[in-house]
PDB file of N, CA and C in Angstrom:
ATOM      1  N   MET A   1      15.133  27.155   8.023  1.00  0.00           N
ATOM      2  CA  MET A   1      13.750  26.864   8.367  1.00  0.00           C
ATOM      3  C   MET A   1      13.388  27.678   9.609  1.00  0.00           C
ATOM      4  N   SER A   2      12.245  28.340   9.523  1.00  0.00           N
ATOM      5  CA  SER A   2      11.818  29.161  10.651  1.00  0.00           C
ATOM      6  C   SER A   2      11.229  28.276  11.748  1.00  0.00           C
ATOM      7  N   LEU A   3      11.080  28.836  12.906  1.00  0.00           N
ATOM      8  CA  LEU A   3      10.501  28.108  14.034  1.00  0.00           C
ATOM      9  C   LEU A   3       9.066  27.683  13.712  1.00  0.00           C
ATOM     10  N   VAL A   4       8.311  28.536  13.047  1.00  0.00           N
ATOM     11  CA  VAL A   4       6.919  28.209  12.680  1.00  0.00           C
ATOM     12  C   VAL A   4       6.897  27.010  11.731  1.00  0.00           C
ATOM     13  N   ASP A   5       7.780  27.006  10.724  1.00  0.00           N
ATOM     14  CA  ASP A   5       7.849  25.886   9.785  1.00  0.00           C
ATOM     15  C   ASP A   5       8.248  24.600  10.494  1.00  0.00           C
ATOM     16  N   LEU A   6       9.163  24.683  11.420  1.00  0.00           N
ATOM     17  CA  LEU A   6       9.593  23.527  12.192  1.00  0.00           C
ATOM     18  C   LEU A   6       8.442  22.967  13.017  1.00  0.00           C
ATOM     19  N   ILE A   7       7.676  23.831  13.646  1.00  0.00           N
ATOM     20  CA  ILE A   7       6.527  23.395  14.440  1.00  0.00           C
ATOM     21  C   ILE A   7       5.491  22.729  13.543  1.00  0.00           C
ATOM     22  N   LYS A   8       5.240  23.286  12.357  1.00  0.00           N
ATOM     23  CA  LYS A   8       4.296  22.679  11.415  1.00  0.00           C
ATOM     24  C   LYS A   8       4.765  21.287  11.000  1.00  0.00           C
ATOM     25  N   THR A   9       6.040  21.147  10.712  1.00  0.00           N
ATOM     26  CA  THR A   9       6.594  19.862  10.303  1.00  0.00           C
ATOM     27  C   THR A   9       6.443  18.823  11.410  1.00  0.00           C
ATOM     28  N   VAL A  10       6.758  19.205  12.621  1.00  0.00           N
ATOM     29  CA  VAL A  10       6.624  18.297  13.759  1.00  0.00           C
ATOM     30  C   VAL A  10       5.162  17.906  13.957  1.00  0.00           C
ATOM     31  N   ALA A  11       4.240  18.843  13.814  1.00  0.00           N
ATOM     32  CA  ALA A  11       2.814  18.560  13.976  1.00  0.00           C
ATOM     33  C   ALA A  11       2.328  17.568  12.927  1.00  0.00           C
ATOM     34  N   VAL A  12       2.736  17.753  11.681  1.00  0.00           N
ATOM     35  CA  VAL A  12       2.326  16.847  10.611  1.00  0.00           C
ATOM     36  C   VAL A  12       2.873  15.444  10.866  1.00  0.00           C
ATOM     37  N   LYS A  13       4.120  15.348  11.241  1.00  0.00           N
ATOM     38  CA  LYS A  13       4.713  14.036  11.532  1.00  0.00           C
ATOM     39  C   LYS A  13       4.012  13.350  12.696  1.00  0.00           C
ATOM     40  N   SER A  14       3.608  14.120  13.682  1.00  0.00           N
ATOM     41  CA  SER A  14       2.898  13.576  14.830  1.00  0.00           C
ATOM     42  C   SER A  14       1.557  12.990  14.417  1.00  0.00           C
ATOM     43  N   VAL A  15       0.833  13.695  13.561  1.00  0.00           N
ATOM     44  CA  VAL A  15      -0.458  13.197  13.078  1.00  0.00           C
ATOM     45  C   VAL A  15      -0.254  11.932  12.258  1.00  0.00           C
ATOM     46  N   GLU A  16       0.749  11.911  11.390  1.00  0.00           N
ATOM     47  CA  GLU A  16       1.030  10.727  10.578  1.00  0.00           C
ATOM     48  C   GLU A  16       1.363   9.522  11.448  1.00  0.00           C
ATOM     49  N   ALA A  17       2.026   9.740  12.545  1.00  0.00           N
ATOM     50  CA  ALA A  17       2.420   8.642  13.431  1.00  0.00           C
ATOM     51  C   ALA A  17       1.221   8.008  14.122  1.00  0.00           C
ATOM     52  N   THR A  18       0.108   8.724  14.216  1.00  0.00           N
ATOM     53  CA  THR A  18      -1.069   8.148  14.864  1.00  0.00           C
ATOM     54  C   THR A  18      -1.861   7.261  13.927  1.00  0.00           C
ATOM     55  N   ASN A  19      -1.531   7.248  12.645  1.00  0.00           N
ATOM     56  CA  ASN A  19      -2.184   6.389  11.665  1.00  0.00           C
ATOM     57  C   ASN A  19      -1.201   5.330  11.196  1.00  0.00           C
ATOM     58  N   PRO A  20      -1.056   4.239  11.943  1.00  0.00           N
ATOM     59  CA  PRO A  20      -0.033   3.267  11.597  1.00  0.00           C
ATOM     60  C   PRO A  20      -0.316   2.506  10.306  1.00  0.00           C
ATOM     61  N   VAL A  21      -1.579   2.492   9.854  1.00  0.00           N
ATOM     62  CA  VAL A  21      -1.931   1.728   8.664  1.00  0.00           C
ATOM     63  C   VAL A  21      -2.940   2.513   7.836  1.00  0.00           C
ATOM     64  N   ASN A  22      -2.779   2.487   6.521  1.00  0.00           N
ATOM     65  CA  ASN A  22      -3.767   3.044   5.605  1.00  0.00           C
ATOM     66  C   ASN A  22      -4.325   1.910   4.761  1.00  0.00           C
ATOM     67  N   VAL A  23      -5.623   1.939   4.490  1.00  0.00           N
ATOM     68  CA  VAL A  23      -6.254   0.949   3.623  1.00  0.00           C
ATOM     69  C   VAL A  23      -6.301   1.526   2.215  1.00  0.00           C
ATOM     70  N   LEU A  24      -5.820   0.747   1.243  1.00  0.00           N
ATOM     71  CA  LEU A  24      -5.783   1.172  -0.150  1.00  0.00           C
ATOM     72  C   LEU A  24      -6.356   0.076  -1.035  1.00  0.00           C
ATOM     73  N   PHE A  25      -6.746   0.459  -2.233  1.00  0.00           N
ATOM     74  CA  PHE A  25      -7.184  -0.502  -3.233  1.00  0.00           C
ATOM     75  C   PHE A  25      -6.258  -0.391  -4.431  1.00  0.00           C
ATOM     76  N   GLY A  26      -5.988  -1.522  -5.063  1.00  0.00           N
ATOM     77  CA  GLY A  26      -5.132  -1.522  -6.236  1.00  0.00           C
ATOM     78  C   GLY A  26      -5.608  -2.541  -7.241  1.00  0.00           C
ATOM     79  N   THR A  27      -4.998  -2.503  -8.409  1.00  0.00           N
ATOM     80  CA  THR A  27      -5.323  -3.428  -9.490  1.00  0.00           C
ATOM     81  C   THR A  27      -4.068  -4.183  -9.885  1.00  0.00           C
ATOM     82  N   VAL A  28      -4.186  -5.501  -9.992  1.00  0.00           N
ATOM     83  CA  VAL A  28      -3.064  -6.333 -10.409  1.00  0.00           C
ATOM     84  C   VAL A  28      -2.798  -6.055 -11.890  1.00  0.00           C
ATOM     85  N   VAL A  29      -1.572  -5.633 -12.200  1.00  0.00           N
ATOM     86  CA  VAL A  29      -1.200  -5.355 -13.591  1.00  0.00           C
ATOM     87  C   VAL A  29      -0.252  -6.416 -14.138  1.00  0.00           C
ATOM     88  N   SER A  30       0.326  -7.216 -13.252  1.00  0.00           N
ATOM     89  CA  SER A  30       1.210  -8.302 -13.667  1.00  0.00           C
ATOM     90  C   SER A  30       1.151  -9.393 -12.608  1.00  0.00           C
ATOM     91  N   GLU A  31       1.096 -10.645 -13.077  1.00  0.00           N
ATOM     92  CA  GLU A  31       1.025 -11.780 -12.149  1.00  0.00           C
ATOM     93  C   GLU A  31       2.403 -12.291 -11.747  1.00  0.00           C
ATOM     94  N   SER A  32       3.319 -12.337 -12.703  1.00  0.00           N
ATOM     95  CA  SER A  32       4.637 -12.885 -12.407  1.00  0.00           C
ATOM     96  C   SER A  32       5.700 -12.092 -13.162  1.00  0.00           C
ATOM     97  N   PRO A  33       6.413 -11.235 -12.493  1.00  0.00           N
ATOM     98  CA  PRO A  33       6.348 -10.949 -11.062  1.00  0.00           C
ATOM     99  C   PRO A  33       5.107 -10.114 -10.742  1.00  0.00           C
ATOM    100  N   LEU A  34       4.629 -10.249  -9.511  1.00  0.00           N
ATOM    101  CA  LEU A  34       3.427  -9.541  -9.089  1.00  0.00           C
ATOM    102  C   LEU A  34       3.678  -8.043  -9.037  1.00  0.00           C
ATOM    103  N   GLU A  35       2.795  -7.286  -9.705  1.00  0.00           N
ATOM    104  CA  GLU A  35       2.827  -5.829  -9.649  1.00  0.00           C
ATOM    105  C   GLU A  35       1.404  -5.333  -9.479  1.00  0.00           C
ATOM    106  N   ILE A  36       1.241  -4.341  -8.609  1.00  0.00           N
ATOM    107  CA  ILE A  36      -0.079  -3.794  -8.318  1.00  0.00           C
ATOM    108  C   ILE A  36      -0.038  -2.280  -8.517  1.00  0.00           C
ATOM    109  N   GLN A  37      -0.987  -1.796  -9.300  1.00  0.00           N
ATOM    110  CA  GLN A  37      -1.109  -0.363  -9.573  1.00  0.00           C
ATOM    111  C   GLN A  37      -2.058   0.238  -8.545  1.00  0.00           C
ATOM    112  N   ILE A  38      -1.583   1.244  -7.796  1.00  0.00           N
ATOM    113  CA  ILE A  38      -2.402   1.932  -6.806  1.00  0.00           C
ATOM    114  C   ILE A  38      -3.106   3.108  -7.468  1.00  0.00           C
ATOM    115  N   HIS A  39      -2.360   3.925  -8.151  1.00  0.00           N
ATOM    116  CA  HIS A  39      -2.895   5.019  -8.949  1.00  0.00           C
ATOM    117  C   HIS A  39      -1.925   5.243 -10.096  1.00  0.00           C
ATOM    118  N   GLN A  40      -2.207   6.208 -10.918  1.00  0.00           N
ATOM    119  CA  GLN A  40      -1.447   6.391 -12.148  1.00  0.00           C
ATOM    120  C   GLN A  40       0.065   6.464 -11.931  1.00  0.00           C
ATOM    121  N   LYS A  41       0.494   7.045 -10.831  1.00  0.00           N
ATOM    122  CA  LYS A  41       1.932   7.242 -10.612  1.00  0.00           C
ATOM    123  C   LYS A  41       2.555   6.258  -9.639  1.00  0.00           C
ATOM    124  N   LEU A  42       1.774   5.332  -9.095  1.00  0.00           N
ATOM    125  CA  LEU A  42       2.336   4.404  -8.108  1.00  0.00           C
ATOM    126  C   LEU A  42       2.031   2.965  -8.488  1.00  0.00           C
ATOM    127  N   ARG A  43       3.083   2.255  -8.878  1.00  0.00           N
ATOM    128  CA  ARG A  43       2.995   0.836  -9.193  1.00  0.00           C
ATOM    129  C   ARG A  43       3.941   0.101  -8.240  1.00  0.00           C
ATOM    130  N   LEU A  44       3.391  -0.849  -7.496  1.00  0.00           N
ATOM    131  CA  LEU A  44       4.166  -1.578  -6.493  1.00  0.00           C
ATOM    132  C   LEU A  44       4.677  -2.890  -7.057  1.00  0.00           C
ATOM    133  N   THR A  45       5.966  -3.145  -6.860  1.00  0.00           N
ATOM    134  CA  THR A  45       6.559  -4.414  -7.275  1.00  0.00           C
ATOM    135  C   THR A  45       6.629  -5.342  -6.065  1.00  0.00           C
ATOM    136  N   GLU A  46       7.016  -6.584  -6.308  1.00  0.00           N
ATOM    137  CA  GLU A  46       7.093  -7.579  -5.232  1.00  0.00           C
ATOM    138  C   GLU A  46       7.992  -7.151  -4.087  1.00  0.00           C
ATOM    139  N   ASP A  47       8.981  -6.306  -4.362  1.00  0.00           N
ATOM    140  CA  ASP A  47       9.892  -5.842  -3.312  1.00  0.00           C
ATOM    141  C   ASP A  47       9.160  -5.102  -2.200  1.00  0.00           C
ATOM    142  N   PHE A  48       8.020  -4.494  -2.523  1.00  0.00           N
ATOM    143  CA  PHE A  48       7.275  -3.687  -1.561  1.00  0.00           C
ATOM    144  C   PHE A  48       6.022  -4.382  -1.048  1.00  0.00           C
ATOM    145  N   LEU A  49       5.757  -5.595  -1.540  1.00  0.00           N
ATOM    146  CA  LEU A  49       4.520  -6.296  -1.197  1.00  0.00           C
ATOM    147  C   LEU A  49       4.761  -7.421  -0.203  1.00  0.00           C
ATOM    148  N   VAL A  50       3.854  -7.524   0.753  1.00  0.00           N
ATOM    149  CA  VAL A  50       3.832  -8.655   1.677  1.00  0.00           C
ATOM    150  C   VAL A  50       2.591  -9.449   1.303  1.00  0.00           C
ATOM    151  N   ILE A  51       2.790 -10.676   0.847  1.00  0.00           N
ATOM    152  CA  ILE A  51       1.691 -11.505   0.369  1.00  0.00           C
ATOM    153  C   ILE A  51       1.230 -12.418   1.491  1.00  0.00           C
ATOM    154  N   THR A  52      -0.067 -12.394   1.769  1.00  0.00           N
ATOM    155  CA  THR A  52      -0.625 -13.278   2.792  1.00  0.00           C
ATOM    156  C   THR A  52      -0.960 -14.631   2.177  1.00  0.00           C
ATOM    157  N   GLU A  53      -1.113 -15.638   3.018  1.00  0.00           N
ATOM    158  CA  GLU A  53      -1.445 -16.975   2.546  1.00  0.00           C
ATOM    159  C   GLU A  53      -2.774 -16.968   1.789  1.00  0.00           C
ATOM    160  N   ARG A  54      -3.722 -16.193   2.288  1.00  0.00           N
ATOM    161  CA  ARG A  54      -5.042 -16.111   1.643  1.00  0.00           C
ATOM    162  C   ARG A  54      -4.930 -15.600   0.206  1.00  0.00           C
ATOM    163  N   VAL A  55      -4.123 -14.586  -0.018  1.00  0.00           N
ATOM    164  CA  VAL A  55      -3.945 -14.045  -1.366  1.00  0.00           C
ATOM    165  C   VAL A  55      -3.160 -15.023  -2.223  1.00  0.00           C
ATOM    166  N   ASP A  56      -2.158 -15.650  -1.648  1.00  0.00           N
ATOM    167  CA  ASP A  56      -1.349 -16.616  -2.386  1.00  0.00           C
ATOM    168  C   ASP A  56      -2.224 -17.765  -2.880  1.00  0.00           C
ATOM    169  N   GLN A  57      -3.126 -18.229  -2.046  1.00  0.00           N
ATOM    170  CA  GLN A  57      -4.017 -19.323  -2.422  1.00  0.00           C
ATOM    171  C   GLN A  57      -5.097 -18.871  -3.392  1.00  0.00           C
ATOM    172  N   ALA A  58      -5.411 -17.570  -3.389  1.00  0.00           N
ATOM    173  CA  ALA A  58      -6.471 -17.047  -4.252  1.00  0.00           C
ATOM    174  C   ALA A  58      -5.998 -16.908  -5.698  1.00  0.00           C
ATOM    175  N   ASN A  59      -4.698 -17.021  -5.922  1.00  0.00           N
ATOM    176  CA  ASN A  59      -4.151 -16.900  -7.269  1.00  0.00           C
ATOM    177  C   ASN A  59      -4.655 -15.643  -7.966  1.00  0.00           C
ATOM    178  N   VAL A  60      -4.226 -14.501  -7.487  1.00  0.00           N
ATOM    179  CA  VAL A  60      -4.658 -13.243  -8.098  1.00  0.00           C
ATOM    180  C   VAL A  60      -4.223 -13.192  -9.554  1.00  0.00           C
ATOM    181  N   ARG A  61      -5.077 -12.615 -10.367  1.00  0.00           N
ATOM    182  CA  ARG A  61      -4.845 -12.530 -11.812  1.00  0.00           C
ATOM    183  C   ARG A  61      -4.830 -11.076 -12.254  1.00  0.00           C
ATOM    184  N   ARG A  62      -4.259 -10.851 -13.396  1.00  0.00           N
ATOM    185  CA  ARG A  62      -4.225  -9.506 -13.976  1.00  0.00           C
ATOM    186  C   ARG A  62      -5.651  -8.958 -14.066  1.00  0.00           C
ATOM    187  N   GLY A  63      -5.826  -7.733 -13.614  1.00  0.00           N
ATOM    188  CA  GLY A  63      -7.137  -7.095 -13.632  1.00  0.00           C
ATOM    189  C   GLY A  63      -7.899  -7.223 -12.323  1.00  0.00           C
ATOM    190  N   ASP A  64      -7.470  -8.144 -11.432  1.00  0.00           N
ATOM    191  CA  ASP A  64      -8.133  -8.299 -10.127  1.00  0.00           C
ATOM    192  C   ASP A  64      -7.905  -7.053  -9.277  1.00  0.00           C
ATOM    193  N   ARG A  65      -8.937  -6.652  -8.541  1.00  0.00           N
ATOM    194  CA  ARG A  65      -8.811  -5.574  -7.557  1.00  0.00           C
ATOM    195  C   ARG A  65      -8.429  -6.216  -6.234  1.00  0.00           C
ATOM    196  N   VAL A  66      -7.524  -5.589  -5.505  1.00  0.00           N
ATOM    197  CA  VAL A  66      -7.069  -6.108  -4.220  1.00  0.00           C
ATOM    198  C   VAL A  66      -7.121  -5.013  -3.162  1.00  0.00           C
ATOM    199  N   VAL A  67      -7.220  -5.454  -1.908  1.00  0.00           N
ATOM    200  CA  VAL A  67      -7.184  -4.560  -0.760  1.00  0.00           C
ATOM    201  C   VAL A  67      -5.775  -4.632  -0.179  1.00  0.00           C
ATOM    202  N   LEU A  68      -5.189  -3.467   0.069  1.00  0.00           N
ATOM    203  CA  LEU A  68      -3.846  -3.407   0.625  1.00  0.00           C
ATOM    204  C   LEU A  68      -3.844  -2.592   1.912  1.00  0.00           C
ATOM    205  N   LEU A  69      -2.952  -2.942   2.801  1.00  0.00           N
ATOM    206  CA  LEU A  69      -2.711  -2.159   4.012  1.00  0.00           C
ATOM    207  C   LEU A  69      -1.307  -1.588   3.890  1.00  0.00           C
ATOM    208  N   ARG A  70      -1.206  -0.260   3.977  1.00  0.00           N
ATOM    209  CA  ARG A  70       0.112   0.380   3.915  1.00  0.00           C
ATOM    210  C   ARG A  70       0.678   0.444   5.321  1.00  0.00           C
ATOM    211  N   VAL A  71       1.808  -0.180   5.508  1.00  0.00           N
ATOM    212  CA  VAL A  71       2.474  -0.189   6.799  1.00  0.00           C
ATOM    213  C   VAL A  71       3.043   1.204   7.048  1.00  0.00           C
ATOM    214  N   GLN A  72       3.025   1.627   8.306  1.00  0.00           N
ATOM    215  CA  GLN A  72       3.530   2.956   8.661  1.00  0.00           C
ATOM    216  C   GLN A  72       4.898   3.180   8.044  1.00  0.00           C
ATOM    217  N   GLY A  73       5.082   4.317   7.449  1.00  0.00           N
ATOM    218  CA  GLY A  73       6.326   4.632   6.768  1.00  0.00           C
ATOM    219  C   GLY A  73       6.219   4.416   5.266  1.00  0.00           C
ATOM    220  N   GLY A  74       5.249   3.617   4.840  1.00  0.00           N
ATOM    221  CA  GLY A  74       4.979   3.444   3.423  1.00  0.00           C
ATOM    222  C   GLY A  74       5.947   2.585   2.653  1.00  0.00           C
ATOM    223  N   GLN A  75       6.817   1.850   3.322  1.00  0.00           N
ATOM    224  CA  GLN A  75       7.792   1.037   2.608  1.00  0.00           C
ATOM    225  C   GLN A  75       7.276  -0.353   2.259  1.00  0.00           C
ATOM    226  N   GLN A  76       6.238  -0.809   2.956  1.00  0.00           N
ATOM    227  CA  GLN A  76       5.672  -2.119   2.673  1.00  0.00           C
ATOM    228  C   GLN A  76       4.159  -2.034   2.624  1.00  0.00           C
ATOM    229  N   PHE A  77       3.584  -2.879   1.777  1.00  0.00           N
ATOM    230  CA  PHE A  77       2.146  -2.946   1.608  1.00  0.00           C
ATOM    231  C   PHE A  77       1.728  -4.403   1.740  1.00  0.00           C
ATOM    232  N   ILE A  78       0.799  -4.668   2.644  1.00  0.00           N
ATOM    233  CA  ILE A  78       0.297  -6.019   2.843  1.00  0.00           C
ATOM    234  C   ILE A  78      -0.883  -6.214   1.897  1.00  0.00           C
ATOM    235  N   VAL A  79      -0.801  -7.225   1.032  1.00  0.00           N
ATOM    236  CA  VAL A  79      -1.906  -7.533   0.130  1.00  0.00           C
ATOM    237  C   VAL A  79      -2.857  -8.427   0.920  1.00  0.00           C
ATOM    238  N   LEU A  80      -3.956  -7.829   1.363  1.00  0.00           N
ATOM    239  CA  LEU A  80      -4.852  -8.490   2.290  1.00  0.00           C
ATOM    240  C   LEU A  80      -5.763  -9.504   1.620  1.00  0.00           C
ATOM    241  N   ASP A  81      -6.384  -9.113   0.512  1.00  0.00           N
ATOM    242  CA  ASP A  81      -7.358 -10.010  -0.121  1.00  0.00           C
ATOM    243  C   ASP A  81      -7.779  -9.449  -1.466  1.00  0.00           C
ATOM    244  N   LYS A  82      -8.452 -10.299  -2.258  1.00  0.00           N
ATOM    245  CA  LYS A  82      -9.064  -9.859  -3.507  1.00  0.00           C
ATOM    246  C   LYS A  82     -10.411  -9.206  -3.199  1.00  0.00           C
ATOM    247  N   VAL A  83     -10.790  -8.250  -4.029  1.00  0.00           N
ATOM    248  CA  VAL A  83     -12.100  -7.606  -3.914  1.00  0.00           C
ATOM    249  C   VAL A  83     -13.050  -8.363  -4.837  1.00  0.00           C
ATOM    250  N   VAL A  84     -14.241  -8.696  -4.319  1.00  0.00           N
ATOM    251  CA  VAL A  84     -15.265  -9.329  -5.140  1.00  0.00           C
ATOM    252  C   VAL A  84     -16.429  -8.372  -5.269  1.00  0.00           C
ATOM    253  N   LYS A  85     -17.132  -8.464  -6.354  1.00  0.00           N
ATOM    254  CA  LYS A  85     -18.240  -7.528  -6.595  1.00  0.00           C
ATOM    255  C   LYS A  85     -19.502  -7.945  -5.904  1.00  0.00           C
TER     256      LYS A  85
END
């Protein structure tokens, strides 16, 4: 790796570190176990989801749209709430 490539990599990582959370929308594709589709290639299982009390009480159903917060690093997603029209 050249010095220029190394500097670019460090710069990109620095910018990513300033955004600790990303807001995403997904669709519930399975209720039990809970699975949420973010886009065609990304389906999140319960292992990656943090369920809040509000969502747990809302009883999300297949087809519901939900708001998610991606925790820095992308390993966990907080299911914040259901989207209503």
